[in-house]
PDB file of N, CA and C in Angstrom:
ATOM      1  N   UNK A   1       0.827  -1.168   0.000  1.00  0.00           N
ATOM      2  CA  UNK A   1      -0.001  -0.007  -0.008  1.00  0.00           C
ATOM      3  C   UNK A   1       0.882   1.249   0.006  1.00  0.00           C
ATOM      4  N   UNK A   2       0.609   2.147  -0.941  1.00  0.00           N
ATOM      5  CA  UNK A   2       1.402   3.385  -1.021  1.00  0.00           C
ATOM      6  C   UNK A   2       0.872   4.410  -0.050  1.00  0.00           C
ATOM      7  N   UNK A   3       1.807   5.171   0.511  1.00  0.00           N
ATOM      8  CA  UNK A   3       1.383   6.266   1.382  1.00  0.00           C
ATOM      9  C   UNK A   3       1.262   7.531   0.574  1.00  0.00           C
ATOM     10  N   UNK A   4       0.315   8.339   0.924  1.00  0.00           N
ATOM     11  CA  UNK A   4       0.070   9.608   0.220  1.00  0.00           C
ATOM     12  C   UNK A   4       1.042  10.641   0.816  1.00  0.00           C
ATOM     13  N   UNK A   5       1.588  11.517  -0.028  1.00  0.00           N
ATOM     14  CA  UNK A   5       2.444  12.584   0.506  1.00  0.00           C
ATOM     15  C   UNK A   5       1.611  13.544   1.372  1.00  0.00           C
ATOM     16  N   UNK A   6       2.215  13.991   2.436  1.00  0.00           N
ATOM     17  CA  UNK A   6       1.545  14.946   3.314  1.00  0.00           C
ATOM     18  C   UNK A   6       1.628  16.338   2.706  1.00  0.00           C
ATOM     19  N   UNK A   7       0.511  17.041   2.559  1.00  0.00           N
ATOM     20  CA  UNK A   7       0.583  18.395   2.000  1.00  0.00           C
ATOM     21  C   UNK A   7       1.300  19.338   2.950  1.00  0.00           C
ATOM     22  N   UNK A   8       1.829  20.412   2.405  1.00  0.00           N
ATOM     23  CA  UNK A   8       2.526  21.389   3.230  1.00  0.00           C
ATOM     24  C   UNK A   8       1.583  22.367   3.901  1.00  0.00           C
ATOM     25  N   UNK A   9       0.272  22.225   3.635  1.00  0.00           N
ATOM     26  CA  UNK A   9      -0.718  23.102   4.215  1.00  0.00           C
ATOM     27  C   UNK A   9      -1.735  22.295   5.008  1.00  0.00           C
ATOM     28  N   UNK A  10      -2.484  22.960   5.857  1.00  0.00           N
ATOM     29  CA  UNK A  10      -3.552  22.361   6.642  1.00  0.00           C
ATOM     30  C   UNK A  10      -4.869  23.043   6.317  1.00  0.00           C
ATOM     31  N   UNK A  11      -5.955  22.450   6.727  1.00  0.00           N
ATOM     32  CA  UNK A  11      -7.251  23.058   6.553  1.00  0.00           C
ATOM     33  C   UNK A  11      -7.613  23.803   7.809  1.00  0.00           C
ATOM     34  N   UNK A  12      -8.053  25.048   7.656  1.00  0.00           N
ATOM     35  CA  UNK A  12      -8.451  25.890   8.804  1.00  0.00           C
ATOM     36  C   UNK A  12      -9.964  26.072   8.770  1.00  0.00           C
ATOM     37  N   UNK A  13     -10.606  25.811   9.904  1.00  0.00           N
ATOM     38  CA  UNK A  13     -12.039  26.055  10.006  1.00  0.00           C
ATOM     39  C   UNK A  13     -12.266  27.556  10.264  1.00  0.00           C
ATOM     40  N   UNK A  14     -13.507  27.947  10.139  1.00  0.00           N
ATOM     41  CA  UNK A  14     -13.874  29.378  10.221  1.00  0.00           C
ATOM     42  C   UNK A  14     -13.351  30.066  11.480  1.00  0.00           C
ATOM     43  N   UNK A  15     -13.445  29.501  12.694  1.00  0.00           N
ATOM     44  CA  UNK A  15     -12.945  30.223  13.864  1.00  0.00           C
ATOM     45  C   UNK A  15     -11.460  30.602  13.757  1.00  0.00           C
ATOM     46  N   UNK A  16     -10.651  29.718  13.142  1.00  0.00           N
ATOM     47  CA  UNK A  16      -9.225  30.036  12.984  1.00  0.00           C
ATOM     48  C   UNK A  16      -8.996  31.110  11.933  1.00  0.00           C
ATOM     49  N   UNK A  17      -9.766  31.069  10.825  1.00  0.00           N
ATOM     50  CA  UNK A  17      -9.660  32.082   9.783  1.00  0.00           C
ATOM     51  C   UNK A  17     -10.095  33.439  10.338  1.00  0.00           C
ATOM     52  N   UNK A  18     -11.134  33.435  11.147  1.00  0.00           N
ATOM     53  CA  UNK A  18     -11.602  34.667  11.810  1.00  0.00           C
ATOM     54  C   UNK A  18     -10.477  35.201  12.710  1.00  0.00           C
ATOM     55  N   UNK A  19      -9.807  34.333  13.435  1.00  0.00           N
ATOM     56  CA  UNK A  19      -8.733  34.748  14.331  1.00  0.00           C
ATOM     57  C   UNK A  19      -7.528  35.348  13.585  1.00  0.00           C
ATOM     58  N   UNK A  20      -7.135  34.726  12.474  1.00  0.00           N
ATOM     59  CA  UNK A  20      -5.938  35.237  11.771  1.00  0.00           C
ATOM     60  C   UNK A  20      -6.215  36.467  10.927  1.00  0.00           C
ATOM     61  N   UNK A  21      -7.492  36.665  10.518  1.00  0.00           N
ATOM     62  CA  UNK A  21      -7.827  37.821   9.703  1.00  0.00           C
ATOM     63  C   UNK A  21      -8.404  38.976  10.512  1.00  0.00           C
ATOM     64  N   UNK A  22      -8.922  38.674  11.692  1.00  0.00           N
ATOM     65  CA  UNK A  22      -9.641  39.663  12.519  1.00  0.00           C
ATOM     66  C   UNK A  22     -10.933  40.124  11.828  1.00  0.00           C
ATOM     67  N   UNK A  23     -11.431  39.304  10.915  1.00  0.00           N
ATOM     68  CA  UNK A  23     -12.694  39.595  10.235  1.00  0.00           C
ATOM     69  C   UNK A  23     -13.788  38.783  10.870  1.00  0.00           C
ATOM     70  N   UNK A  24     -15.023  39.249  10.758  1.00  0.00           N
ATOM     71  CA  UNK A  24     -16.169  38.458  11.209  1.00  0.00           C
ATOM     72  C   UNK A  24     -16.451  37.404  10.114  1.00  0.00           C
ATOM     73  N   UNK A  25     -17.309  36.472  10.438  1.00  0.00           N
ATOM     74  CA  UNK A  25     -17.694  35.443   9.440  1.00  0.00           C
ATOM     75  C   UNK A  25     -18.275  36.074   8.195  1.00  0.00           C
ATOM     76  N   UNK A  26     -19.175  37.044   8.344  1.00  0.00           N
ATOM     77  CA  UNK A  26     -19.761  37.714   7.169  1.00  0.00           C
ATOM     78  C   UNK A  26     -18.709  38.486   6.391  1.00  0.00           C
ATOM     79  N   UNK A  27     -17.766  39.090   7.118  1.00  0.00           N
ATOM     80  CA  UNK A  27     -16.721  39.858   6.426  1.00  0.00           C
ATOM     81  C   UNK A  27     -15.718  38.974   5.701  1.00  0.00           C
ATOM     82  N   UNK A  28     -15.738  37.694   5.974  1.00  0.00           N
ATOM     83  CA  UNK A  28     -14.880  36.759   5.212  1.00  0.00           C
ATOM     84  C   UNK A  28     -15.612  36.321   3.948  1.00  0.00           C
ATOM     85  N   UNK A  29     -16.890  36.000   4.054  1.00  0.00           N
ATOM     86  CA  UNK A  29     -17.640  35.490   2.917  1.00  0.00           C
ATOM     87  C   UNK A  29     -17.877  36.556   1.837  1.00  0.00           C
ATOM     88  N   UNK A  30     -17.994  37.823   2.229  1.00  0.00           N
ATOM     89  CA  UNK A  30     -18.193  38.882   1.241  1.00  0.00           C
ATOM     90  C   UNK A  30     -17.017  38.947   0.254  1.00  0.00           C
ATOM     91  N   UNK A  31     -15.767  39.074   0.731  1.00  0.00           N
ATOM     92  CA  UNK A  31     -14.649  39.088  -0.244  1.00  0.00           C
ATOM     93  C   UNK A  31     -14.463  37.773  -0.986  1.00  0.00           C
ATOM     94  N   UNK A  32     -14.906  36.660  -0.397  1.00  0.00           N
ATOM     95  CA  UNK A  32     -14.854  35.389  -1.116  1.00  0.00           C
ATOM     96  C   UNK A  32     -15.716  35.480  -2.355  1.00  0.00           C
ATOM     97  N   UNK A  33     -16.943  36.001  -2.190  1.00  0.00           N
ATOM     98  CA  UNK A  33     -17.862  36.159  -3.328  1.00  0.00           C
ATOM     99  C   UNK A  33     -17.302  37.114  -4.389  1.00  0.00           C
ATOM    100  N   UNK A  34     -16.519  38.108  -3.936  1.00  0.00           N
ATOM    101  CA  UNK A  34     -15.957  39.105  -4.837  1.00  0.00           C
ATOM    102  C   UNK A  34     -14.616  38.651  -5.450  1.00  0.00           C
ATOM    103  N   UNK A  35     -14.128  37.461  -5.027  1.00  0.00           N
ATOM    104  CA  UNK A  35     -12.839  36.989  -5.515  1.00  0.00           C
ATOM    105  C   UNK A  35     -11.648  37.658  -4.885  1.00  0.00           C
ATOM    106  N   UNK A  36     -11.861  38.280  -3.716  1.00  0.00           N
ATOM    107  CA  UNK A  36     -10.798  38.986  -3.013  1.00  0.00           C
ATOM    108  C   UNK A  36     -10.258  38.256  -1.799  1.00  0.00           C
ATOM    109  N   UNK A  37     -10.775  37.047  -1.565  1.00  0.00           N
ATOM    110  CA  UNK A  37     -10.296  36.202  -0.467  1.00  0.00           C
ATOM    111  C   UNK A  37     -10.397  34.771  -0.942  1.00  0.00           C
ATOM    112  N   UNK A  38      -9.480  33.920  -0.533  1.00  0.00           N
ATOM    113  CA  UNK A  38      -9.521  32.524  -1.006  1.00  0.00           C
ATOM    114  C   UNK A  38     -10.835  31.835  -0.693  1.00  0.00           C
ATOM    115  N   UNK A  39     -11.339  31.085  -1.655  1.00  0.00           N
ATOM    116  CA  UNK A  39     -12.594  30.368  -1.402  1.00  0.00           C
ATOM    117  C   UNK A  39     -12.388  29.179  -0.472  1.00  0.00           C
ATOM    118  N   UNK A  40     -13.402  28.830   0.282  1.00  0.00           N
ATOM    119  CA  UNK A  40     -13.283  27.658   1.146  1.00  0.00           C
ATOM    120  C   UNK A  40     -13.368  26.358   0.360  1.00  0.00           C
ATOM    121  N   UNK A  41     -12.872  25.315   0.993  1.00  0.00           N
ATOM    122  CA  UNK A  41     -12.982  23.966   0.445  1.00  0.00           C
ATOM    123  C   UNK A  41     -14.141  23.290   1.116  1.00  0.00           C
ATOM    124  N   UNK A  42     -15.080  22.701   0.332  1.00  0.00           N
ATOM    125  CA  UNK A  42     -16.212  21.998   0.900  1.00  0.00           C
ATOM    126  C   UNK A  42     -15.744  20.675   1.467  1.00  0.00           C
ATOM    127  N   UNK A  43     -16.133  20.401   2.702  1.00  0.00           N
ATOM    128  CA  UNK A  43     -15.731  19.158   3.348  1.00  0.00           C
ATOM    129  C   UNK A  43     -16.858  18.138   3.357  1.00  0.00           C
ATOM    130  N   UNK A  44     -18.096  18.600   3.210  1.00  0.00           N
ATOM    131  CA  UNK A  44     -19.236  17.711   3.231  1.00  0.00           C
ATOM    132  C   UNK A  44     -20.022  17.778   1.950  1.00  0.00           C
ATOM    133  N   UNK A  45     -21.071  17.009   1.874  1.00  0.00           N
ATOM    134  CA  UNK A  45     -21.930  16.989   0.700  1.00  0.00           C
ATOM    135  C   UNK A  45     -23.170  17.845   0.986  1.00  0.00           C
ATOM    136  N   UNK A  46     -23.720  18.378  -0.066  1.00  0.00           N
ATOM    137  CA  UNK A  46     -24.967  19.085   0.032  1.00  0.00           C
ATOM    138  C   UNK A  46     -24.828  20.507   0.553  1.00  0.00           C
ATOM    139  N   UNK A  47     -25.977  21.127   0.684  1.00  0.00           N
ATOM    140  CA  UNK A  47     -26.048  22.493   1.145  1.00  0.00           C
ATOM    141  C   UNK A  47     -25.820  22.535   2.671  1.00  0.00           C
ATOM    142  N   UNK A  48     -25.101  23.521   3.130  1.00  0.00           N
ATOM    143  CA  UNK A  48     -24.865  23.633   4.557  1.00  0.00           C
ATOM    144  C   UNK A  48     -23.780  22.733   5.112  1.00  0.00           C
ATOM    145  N   UNK A  49     -22.992  22.113   4.212  1.00  0.00           N
ATOM    146  CA  UNK A  49     -21.916  21.241   4.654  1.00  0.00           C
ATOM    147  C   UNK A  49     -20.764  22.054   5.227  1.00  0.00           C
ATOM    148  N   UNK A  50     -19.906  21.371   5.926  1.00  0.00           N
ATOM    149  CA  UNK A  50     -18.734  21.989   6.542  1.00  0.00           C
ATOM    150  C   UNK A  50     -17.763  22.478   5.472  1.00  0.00           C
ATOM    151  N   UNK A  51     -17.110  23.603   5.775  1.00  0.00           N
ATOM    152  CA  UNK A  51     -16.083  24.130   4.876  1.00  0.00           C
ATOM    153  C   UNK A  51     -14.848  24.488   5.677  1.00  0.00           C
ATOM    154  N   UNK A  52     -13.751  24.597   5.007  1.00  0.00           N
ATOM    155  CA  UNK A  52     -12.468  25.015   5.628  1.00  0.00           C
ATOM    156  C   UNK A  52     -11.635  25.726   4.563  1.00  0.00           C
ATOM    157  N   UNK A  53     -10.647  26.457   5.021  1.00  0.00           N
ATOM    158  CA  UNK A  53      -9.782  27.175   4.090  1.00  0.00           C
ATOM    159  C   UNK A  53      -8.398  26.597   4.183  1.00  0.00           C
ATOM    160  N   UNK A  54      -7.719  26.583   3.045  1.00  0.00           N
ATOM    161  CA  UNK A  54      -6.314  26.122   3.029  1.00  0.00           C
ATOM    162  C   UNK A  54      -5.466  27.136   3.763  1.00  0.00           C
ATOM    163  N   UNK A  55      -4.624  26.646   4.663  1.00  0.00           N
ATOM    164  CA  UNK A  55      -3.795  27.548   5.485  1.00  0.00           C
ATOM    165  C   UNK A  55      -2.833  28.369   4.626  1.00  0.00           C
ATOM    166  N   UNK A  56      -2.261  27.747   3.584  1.00  0.00           N
ATOM    167  CA  UNK A  56      -1.282  28.494   2.761  1.00  0.00           C
ATOM    168  C   UNK A  56      -1.935  29.665   2.054  1.00  0.00           C
ATOM    169  N   UNK A  57      -3.164  29.467   1.539  1.00  0.00           N
ATOM    170  CA  UNK A  57      -3.863  30.558   0.858  1.00  0.00           C
ATOM    171  C   UNK A  57      -4.279  31.644   1.837  1.00  0.00           C
ATOM    172  N   UNK A  58      -4.717  31.233   3.023  1.00  0.00           N
ATOM    173  CA  UNK A  58      -5.170  32.217   4.016  1.00  0.00           C
ATOM    174  C   UNK A  58      -4.003  33.066   4.510  1.00  0.00           C
ATOM    175  N   UNK A  59      -2.875  32.439   4.797  1.00  0.00           N
ATOM    176  CA  UNK A  59      -1.701  33.186   5.256  1.00  0.00           C
ATOM    177  C   UNK A  59      -1.105  34.044   4.158  1.00  0.00           C
ATOM    178  N   UNK A  60      -1.177  33.571   2.902  1.00  0.00           N
ATOM    179  CA  UNK A  60      -0.715  34.391   1.764  1.00  0.00           C
ATOM    180  C   UNK A  60      -1.565  35.665   1.664  1.00  0.00           C
ATOM    181  N   UNK A  61      -2.890  35.501   1.885  1.00  0.00           N
ATOM    182  CA  UNK A  61      -3.801  36.650   1.832  1.00  0.00           C
ATOM    183  C   UNK A  61      -3.414  37.676   2.920  1.00  0.00           C
ATOM    184  N   UNK A  62      -3.161  37.197   4.118  1.00  0.00           N
ATOM    185  CA  UNK A  62      -2.738  38.088   5.220  1.00  0.00           C
ATOM    186  C   UNK A  62      -1.466  38.790   4.842  1.00  0.00           C
ATOM    187  N   UNK A  63      -0.506  38.045   4.326  1.00  0.00           N
ATOM    188  CA  UNK A  63       0.785  38.638   3.934  1.00  0.00           C
ATOM    189  C   UNK A  63       0.618  39.739   2.878  1.00  0.00           C
ATOM    190  N   UNK A  64      -0.212  39.509   1.881  1.00  0.00           N
ATOM    191  CA  UNK A  64      -0.415  40.504   0.847  1.00  0.00           C
ATOM    192  C   UNK A  64      -1.075  41.759   1.411  1.00  0.00           C
ATOM    193  N   UNK A  65      -1.996  41.566   2.372  1.00  0.00           N
ATOM    194  CA  UNK A  65      -2.616  42.726   3.007  1.00  0.00           C
ATOM    195  C   UNK A  65      -1.592  43.529   3.792  1.00  0.00           C
ATOM    196  N   UNK A  66      -0.676  42.859   4.477  1.00  0.00           N
ATOM    197  CA  UNK A  66       0.356  43.547   5.232  1.00  0.00           C
ATOM    198  C   UNK A  66       1.297  44.299   4.311  1.00  0.00           C
ATOM    199  N   UNK A  67       1.493  43.791   3.121  1.00  0.00           N
ATOM    200  CA  UNK A  67       2.352  44.440   2.153  1.00  0.00           C
ATOM    201  C   UNK A  67       1.636  45.490   1.329  1.00  0.00           C
ATOM    202  N   UNK A  68       0.355  45.646   1.538  1.00  0.00           N
ATOM    203  CA  UNK A  68      -0.435  46.663   0.829  1.00  0.00           C
ATOM    204  C   UNK A  68      -0.756  46.293  -0.585  1.00  0.00           C
ATOM    205  N   UNK A  69      -0.708  44.976  -0.915  1.00  0.00           N
ATOM    206  CA  UNK A  69      -1.017  44.537  -2.274  1.00  0.00           C
ATOM    207  C   UNK A  69      -2.398  43.877  -2.293  1.00  0.00           C
ATOM    208  N   UNK A  70      -2.971  43.784  -3.480  1.00  0.00           N
ATOM    209  CA  UNK A  70      -4.249  43.065  -3.645  1.00  0.00           C
ATOM    210  C   UNK A  70      -3.931  41.590  -3.789  1.00  0.00           C
ATOM    211  N   UNK A  71      -4.793  40.743  -3.176  1.00  0.00           N
ATOM    212  CA  UNK A  71      -4.617  39.293  -3.281  1.00  0.00           C
ATOM    213  C   UNK A  71      -5.105  38.801  -4.624  1.00  0.00           C
ATOM    214  N   UNK A  72      -4.383  37.862  -5.206  1.00  0.00           N
ATOM    215  CA  UNK A  72      -4.836  37.250  -6.450  1.00  0.00           C
ATOM    216  C   UNK A  72      -4.607  35.782  -6.368  1.00  0.00           C
ATOM    217  N   UNK A  73      -5.513  35.020  -6.985  1.00  0.00           N
ATOM    218  CA  UNK A  73      -5.437  33.567  -6.939  1.00  0.00           C
ATOM    219  C   UNK A  73      -4.376  33.054  -7.842  1.00  0.00           C
TER     220      UNK A  73
END
């Protein structure tokens, strides 16, 4: 059985994303819809399923904000 490589990033749930961005939940989803914040990854099936954000994309977004640049995917 082959082992899968471990990704260099982790999945962050909403409370952690709120903590690192200092944004409210609504203030995170608004820029997601506008393409200005990384979109979440769906973890479940159907509507209302759990979501999480990739840590590398979330921290890159914070870094670009600190540098005064616009985030791009």
